Amino acid sequence: MLCLELVLLGALLLGGDSAEAPQEHILFHIIQISSFANQSWTQHQGSGWLGDVQTHGWESESGTIIFLHTWSKGNFSDEELIDLELLFRVYFIGLTRETQEYASQLHFGCKFSPLH
């Protein structure tokens, strides 16, 4: 996942040469929230942040990246974005499968007794 973050950061920040401008380190973060309500319902939410500015979101239903600013697309071509969305979909499918498989190995039980 770190490699993907670095690729995204590089694509977003590539631009004209500014050799005279001081180089400032701006971090790109991806935040992921996955909810597993039961065996049949899963939702994944994600957001991309460039410093303190949210630049991207993830539409769980359609499996697409949401660009929150006109410049959020960076230097990605449409084909590269399709490939990136496919990569995220495959990742989320695998994560869901692995999590459900692990959860099925756990056995939780509660004994209920009537209150007297």
N, C-alpha and C. Protein backbone atom coordinates (compact mmCIF):
# COMPACT_ATOMS: atom_id res chain seq x y z
N MET A 1 0.83 -1.19 0.00
CA MET A 1 0.00 0.00 0.00
C MET A 1 0.87 1.25 0.00
N LEU A 2 2.03 1.18 0.67
CA LEU A 2 2.93 2.32 0.71
C LEU A 2 3.40 2.67 -0.69
N CYS A 3 3.68 1.65 -1.50
CA CYS A 3 4.12 1.90 -2.88
C CYS A 3 3.06 2.65 -3.65
N LEU A 4 1.80 2.26 -3.47
CA LEU A 4 0.70 2.94 -4.15
C LEU A 4 0.60 4.39 -3.71
N GLU A 5 0.79 4.65 -2.42
CA GLU A 5 0.75 6.01 -1.92
C GLU A 5 1.85 6.85 -2.56
N LEU A 6 3.02 6.28 -2.71
CA LEU A 6 4.13 7.01 -3.31
C LEU A 6 3.87 7.31 -4.78
N VAL A 7 3.27 6.35 -5.48
CA VAL A 7 2.94 6.58 -6.89
C VAL A 7 1.92 7.70 -7.02
N LEU A 8 0.90 7.67 -6.16
CA LEU A 8 -0.11 8.73 -6.17
C LEU A 8 0.51 10.09 -5.87
N LEU A 9 1.35 10.13 -4.87
CA LEU A 9 1.99 11.38 -4.50
C LEU A 9 2.84 11.91 -5.64
N GLY A 10 3.62 11.05 -6.26
CA GLY A 10 4.47 11.47 -7.36
C GLY A 10 3.66 12.01 -8.53
N ALA A 11 2.56 11.33 -8.83
CA ALA A 11 1.72 11.76 -9.95
C ALA A 11 1.04 13.10 -9.66
N LEU A 12 0.66 13.30 -8.41
CA LEU A 12 -0.01 14.55 -8.05
C LEU A 12 0.94 15.74 -8.05
N LEU A 13 2.17 15.50 -7.66
CA LEU A 13 3.08 16.61 -7.47
C LEU A 13 3.99 16.89 -8.66
N LEU A 14 4.00 16.02 -9.65
CA LEU A 14 4.84 16.29 -10.82
C LEU A 14 4.32 17.52 -11.54
N GLY A 15 5.20 18.39 -11.85
CA GLY A 15 4.78 19.62 -12.52
C GLY A 15 5.98 20.27 -13.16
N GLY A 16 5.89 21.58 -13.33
CA GLY A 16 6.98 22.32 -13.95
C GLY A 16 8.20 22.39 -13.05
N ASP A 17 9.34 22.68 -13.65
CA ASP A 17 10.57 22.82 -12.88
C ASP A 17 10.54 24.11 -12.08
N SER A 18 10.86 24.00 -10.83
CA SER A 18 10.96 25.18 -9.98
C SER A 18 12.21 25.01 -9.13
N ALA A 19 13.36 24.99 -9.81
CA ALA A 19 14.62 24.74 -9.14
C ALA A 19 14.94 25.80 -8.11
N GLU A 20 14.46 27.02 -8.32
CA GLU A 20 14.78 28.11 -7.40
C GLU A 20 13.85 28.13 -6.19
N ALA A 21 12.69 27.54 -6.31
CA ALA A 21 11.73 27.54 -5.20
C ALA A 21 12.20 26.56 -4.13
N PRO A 22 12.04 26.93 -2.86
CA PRO A 22 12.42 26.00 -1.79
C PRO A 22 11.52 24.78 -1.82
N GLN A 23 12.10 23.62 -1.57
CA GLN A 23 11.35 22.37 -1.59
C GLN A 23 10.68 22.15 -0.24
N GLU A 24 9.38 22.04 -0.25
CA GLU A 24 8.61 21.81 0.96
C GLU A 24 8.09 20.38 0.92
N HIS A 25 8.18 19.69 2.03
CA HIS A 25 7.68 18.31 2.10
C HIS A 25 6.19 18.35 2.41
N ILE A 26 5.39 17.84 1.48
CA ILE A 26 3.95 17.73 1.67
C ILE A 26 3.62 16.25 1.65
N LEU A 27 2.93 15.78 2.66
CA LEU A 27 2.60 14.37 2.77
C LEU A 27 1.26 14.07 2.13
N PHE A 28 1.17 12.91 1.49
CA PHE A 28 -0.09 12.41 0.95
C PHE A 28 -0.47 11.19 1.76
N HIS A 29 -1.67 11.21 2.35
CA HIS A 29 -2.15 10.12 3.18
C HIS A 29 -3.42 9.54 2.59
N ILE A 30 -3.57 8.25 2.74
CA ILE A 30 -4.82 7.57 2.39
C ILE A 30 -5.40 7.01 3.67
N ILE A 31 -6.66 7.34 3.92
CA ILE A 31 -7.36 6.82 5.09
C ILE A 31 -8.43 5.86 4.59
N GLN A 32 -8.46 4.67 5.19
CA GLN A 32 -9.42 3.65 4.80
C GLN A 32 -10.22 3.24 6.02
N ILE A 33 -11.54 3.16 5.85
CA ILE A 33 -12.42 2.64 6.89
C ILE A 33 -13.23 1.52 6.25
N SER A 34 -13.13 0.33 6.82
CA SER A 34 -13.89 -0.81 6.33
C SER A 34 -14.85 -1.27 7.41
N SER A 35 -16.11 -1.45 7.03
CA SER A 35 -17.15 -1.89 7.97
C SER A 35 -17.66 -3.25 7.54
N PHE A 36 -17.68 -4.18 8.48
CA PHE A 36 -18.16 -5.53 8.21
C PHE A 36 -19.31 -5.80 9.17
N ALA A 37 -20.55 -5.62 8.69
CA ALA A 37 -21.71 -5.80 9.56
C ALA A 37 -22.04 -7.28 9.74
N ASN A 38 -21.91 -8.05 8.70
CA ASN A 38 -22.16 -9.49 8.75
C ASN A 38 -21.50 -10.13 7.52
N GLN A 39 -21.78 -11.39 7.27
CA GLN A 39 -21.15 -12.11 6.14
C GLN A 39 -21.51 -11.54 4.78
N SER A 40 -22.64 -10.85 4.71
CA SER A 40 -23.09 -10.41 3.39
C SER A 40 -23.02 -8.90 3.17
N TRP A 41 -22.67 -8.13 4.20
CA TRP A 41 -22.64 -6.68 4.04
C TRP A 41 -21.29 -6.13 4.45
N THR A 42 -20.65 -5.46 3.51
CA THR A 42 -19.36 -4.82 3.75
C THR A 42 -19.38 -3.47 3.05
N GLN A 43 -18.77 -2.49 3.68
CA GLN A 43 -18.64 -1.18 3.05
C GLN A 43 -17.22 -0.67 3.29
N HIS A 44 -16.64 -0.11 2.24
CA HIS A 44 -15.30 0.47 2.34
C HIS A 44 -15.39 1.95 2.01
N GLN A 45 -14.80 2.77 2.86
CA GLN A 45 -14.73 4.20 2.62
C GLN A 45 -13.26 4.59 2.60
N GLY A 46 -12.94 5.55 1.78
CA GLY A 46 -11.56 5.99 1.72
C GLY A 46 -11.48 7.47 1.39
N SER A 47 -10.37 8.05 1.77
CA SER A 47 -10.13 9.45 1.43
C SER A 47 -8.64 9.65 1.26
N GLY A 48 -8.29 10.56 0.37
CA GLY A 48 -6.91 10.92 0.14
C GLY A 48 -6.68 12.35 0.60
N TRP A 49 -5.58 12.58 1.27
CA TRP A 49 -5.28 13.89 1.86
C TRP A 49 -3.89 14.33 1.42
N LEU A 50 -3.81 15.53 0.88
CA LEU A 50 -2.54 16.15 0.53
C LEU A 50 -2.29 17.23 1.58
N GLY A 51 -1.45 16.90 2.55
CA GLY A 51 -1.29 17.79 3.69
C GLY A 51 -2.59 17.81 4.49
N ASP A 52 -3.15 18.98 4.68
CA ASP A 52 -4.40 19.13 5.42
C ASP A 52 -5.63 19.23 4.51
N VAL A 53 -5.45 19.03 3.22
CA VAL A 53 -6.54 19.20 2.25
C VAL A 53 -7.00 17.83 1.74
N GLN A 54 -8.29 17.54 1.90
CA GLN A 54 -8.82 16.30 1.34
C GLN A 54 -8.94 16.47 -0.16
N THR A 55 -8.32 15.56 -0.89
CA THR A 55 -8.29 15.67 -2.35
C THR A 55 -9.09 14.58 -3.06
N HIS A 56 -9.30 13.46 -2.39
CA HIS A 56 -9.96 12.32 -3.02
C HIS A 56 -10.91 11.64 -2.04
N GLY A 57 -11.88 10.96 -2.61
CA GLY A 57 -12.77 10.10 -1.85
C GLY A 57 -12.94 8.80 -2.60
N TRP A 58 -13.61 7.83 -1.99
CA TRP A 58 -13.86 6.55 -2.62
C TRP A 58 -15.34 6.26 -2.55
N GLU A 59 -15.95 6.01 -3.71
CA GLU A 59 -17.37 5.67 -3.79
C GLU A 59 -17.48 4.15 -3.73
N SER A 60 -17.92 3.65 -2.58
CA SER A 60 -17.94 2.21 -2.33
C SER A 60 -18.91 1.47 -3.26
N GLU A 61 -20.07 2.05 -3.50
CA GLU A 61 -21.09 1.38 -4.32
C GLU A 61 -20.61 1.15 -5.75
N SER A 62 -20.02 2.17 -6.35
CA SER A 62 -19.60 2.05 -7.75
C SER A 62 -18.13 1.67 -7.90
N GLY A 63 -17.37 1.73 -6.81
CA GLY A 63 -15.96 1.39 -6.87
C GLY A 63 -15.16 2.39 -7.68
N THR A 64 -15.43 3.67 -7.47
CA THR A 64 -14.73 4.71 -8.24
C THR A 64 -14.11 5.74 -7.31
N ILE A 65 -13.08 6.39 -7.83
CA ILE A 65 -12.40 7.46 -7.11
C ILE A 65 -13.18 8.76 -7.34
N ILE A 66 -13.36 9.53 -6.29
CA ILE A 66 -14.01 10.83 -6.38
C ILE A 66 -12.92 11.90 -6.28
N PHE A 67 -12.86 12.78 -7.27
CA PHE A 67 -11.88 13.87 -7.28
C PHE A 67 -12.56 15.11 -6.71
N LEU A 68 -12.08 15.59 -5.58
CA LEU A 68 -12.74 16.68 -4.89
C LEU A 68 -12.31 18.06 -5.37
N HIS A 69 -11.27 18.12 -6.18
CA HIS A 69 -10.78 19.39 -6.73
C HIS A 69 -10.46 19.18 -8.21
N THR A 70 -10.49 20.24 -8.97
CA THR A 70 -10.21 20.11 -10.40
C THR A 70 -8.79 19.61 -10.65
N TRP A 71 -7.88 19.90 -9.76
CA TRP A 71 -6.49 19.49 -9.93
C TRP A 71 -6.18 18.14 -9.28
N SER A 72 -7.17 17.51 -8.63
CA SER A 72 -6.94 16.25 -7.91
C SER A 72 -6.55 15.09 -8.82
N LYS A 73 -6.91 15.18 -10.08
CA LYS A 73 -6.59 14.10 -11.02
C LYS A 73 -5.09 14.03 -11.29
N GLY A 74 -4.39 15.13 -11.04
CA GLY A 74 -2.94 15.14 -11.24
C GLY A 74 -2.58 14.90 -12.69
N ASN A 75 -1.55 14.11 -12.90
CA ASN A 75 -1.07 13.80 -14.26
C ASN A 75 -1.51 12.43 -14.73
N PHE A 76 -2.49 11.82 -14.04
CA PHE A 76 -2.97 10.51 -14.46
C PHE A 76 -3.78 10.62 -15.74
N SER A 77 -3.55 9.69 -16.64
CA SER A 77 -4.40 9.60 -17.84
C SER A 77 -5.68 8.86 -17.44
N ASP A 78 -6.69 8.91 -18.30
CA ASP A 78 -7.94 8.19 -18.02
C ASP A 78 -7.69 6.69 -17.89
N GLU A 79 -6.80 6.15 -18.73
CA GLU A 79 -6.49 4.72 -18.67
C GLU A 79 -5.79 4.36 -17.36
N GLU A 80 -4.89 5.22 -16.90
CA GLU A 80 -4.20 4.97 -15.63
C GLU A 80 -5.19 5.01 -14.47
N LEU A 81 -6.16 5.92 -14.53
CA LEU A 81 -7.16 6.00 -13.47
C LEU A 81 -8.05 4.77 -13.45
N ILE A 82 -8.39 4.25 -14.62
CA ILE A 82 -9.17 3.02 -14.69
C ILE A 82 -8.39 1.88 -14.05
N ASP A 83 -7.09 1.80 -14.36
CA ASP A 83 -6.24 0.76 -13.77
C ASP A 83 -6.14 0.93 -12.26
N LEU A 84 -6.03 2.17 -11.79
CA LEU A 84 -5.92 2.44 -10.36
C LEU A 84 -7.21 2.06 -9.63
N GLU A 85 -8.35 2.39 -10.22
CA GLU A 85 -9.63 2.01 -9.62
C GLU A 85 -9.76 0.50 -9.56
N LEU A 86 -9.33 -0.19 -10.63
CA LEU A 86 -9.38 -1.65 -10.66
C LEU A 86 -8.48 -2.23 -9.55
N LEU A 87 -7.31 -1.64 -9.37
CA LEU A 87 -6.41 -2.07 -8.30
C LEU A 87 -7.07 -1.94 -6.94
N PHE A 88 -7.73 -0.82 -6.69
CA PHE A 88 -8.43 -0.63 -5.41
C PHE A 88 -9.57 -1.64 -5.27
N ARG A 89 -10.34 -1.89 -6.33
CA ARG A 89 -11.44 -2.86 -6.25
C ARG A 89 -10.92 -4.25 -5.90
N VAL A 90 -9.84 -4.66 -6.57
CA VAL A 90 -9.25 -5.98 -6.30
C VAL A 90 -8.75 -6.04 -4.85
N TYR A 91 -8.13 -4.95 -4.39
CA TYR A 91 -7.66 -4.89 -3.01
C TYR A 91 -8.83 -5.05 -2.03
N PHE A 92 -9.93 -4.31 -2.25
CA PHE A 92 -11.06 -4.38 -1.34
C PHE A 92 -11.74 -5.75 -1.37
N ILE A 93 -11.81 -6.37 -2.55
CA ILE A 93 -12.39 -7.71 -2.65
C ILE A 93 -11.53 -8.70 -1.86
N GLY A 94 -10.22 -8.62 -2.03
CA GLY A 94 -9.33 -9.51 -1.29
C GLY A 94 -9.38 -9.27 0.20
N LEU A 95 -9.42 -8.00 0.61
CA LEU A 95 -9.51 -7.67 2.03
C LEU A 95 -10.80 -8.23 2.63
N THR A 96 -11.90 -8.07 1.93
CA THR A 96 -13.19 -8.58 2.40
C THR A 96 -13.14 -10.09 2.55
N ARG A 97 -12.63 -10.77 1.53
CA ARG A 97 -12.56 -12.23 1.55
C ARG A 97 -11.68 -12.72 2.71
N GLU A 98 -10.51 -12.12 2.88
CA GLU A 98 -9.61 -12.53 3.95
C GLU A 98 -10.21 -12.25 5.33
N THR A 99 -10.86 -11.11 5.49
CA THR A 99 -11.46 -10.76 6.78
C THR A 99 -12.59 -11.70 7.12
N GLN A 100 -13.45 -12.02 6.13
CA GLN A 100 -14.56 -12.93 6.39
C GLN A 100 -14.06 -14.35 6.68
N GLU A 101 -13.00 -14.76 6.00
CA GLU A 101 -12.43 -16.08 6.25
C GLU A 101 -11.87 -16.16 7.67
N TYR A 102 -11.17 -15.11 8.07
CA TYR A 102 -10.62 -15.08 9.43
C TYR A 102 -11.73 -15.06 10.47
N ALA A 103 -12.74 -14.25 10.22
CA ALA A 103 -13.86 -14.14 11.17
C ALA A 103 -14.61 -15.47 11.31
N SER A 104 -14.69 -16.23 10.23
CA SER A 104 -15.41 -17.51 10.30
C SER A 104 -14.65 -18.53 11.15
N GLN A 105 -13.36 -18.33 11.35
CA GLN A 105 -12.57 -19.22 12.19
C GLN A 105 -12.74 -18.92 13.67
N LEU A 106 -13.23 -17.74 13.98
CA LEU A 106 -13.46 -17.35 15.36
C LEU A 106 -14.85 -17.83 15.80
N HIS A 107 -14.91 -18.38 16.97
CA HIS A 107 -16.20 -18.88 17.47
C HIS A 107 -16.52 -18.15 18.76
N PHE A 108 -17.55 -17.36 18.69
CA PHE A 108 -18.00 -16.65 19.87
C PHE A 108 -19.32 -17.25 20.31
N GLY A 109 -19.45 -17.48 21.58
CA GLY A 109 -20.69 -18.03 22.08
C GLY A 109 -21.07 -17.38 23.40
N CYS A 110 -22.35 -17.22 23.58
CA CYS A 110 -22.86 -16.66 24.82
C CYS A 110 -23.93 -17.59 25.35
N LYS A 111 -23.89 -17.82 26.63
CA LYS A 111 -24.94 -18.62 27.26
C LYS A 111 -25.94 -17.66 27.87
N PHE A 112 -27.16 -17.82 27.46
CA PHE A 112 -28.22 -16.98 28.01
C PHE A 112 -29.01 -17.79 29.02
N SER A 113 -29.22 -17.21 30.14
CA SER A 113 -30.04 -17.87 31.15
C SER A 113 -31.12 -16.89 31.61
N PRO A 114 -32.28 -17.39 31.92
CA PRO A 114 -33.36 -16.49 32.35
C PRO A 114 -33.00 -15.80 33.66
N LEU A 115 -33.46 -14.59 33.78
CA LEU A 115 -33.24 -13.83 35.00
C LEU A 115 -34.26 -14.27 36.04
N HIS A 116 -33.81 -14.52 37.26
CA HIS A 116 -34.73 -14.93 38.33
C HIS A 116 -34.78 -13.88 39.39
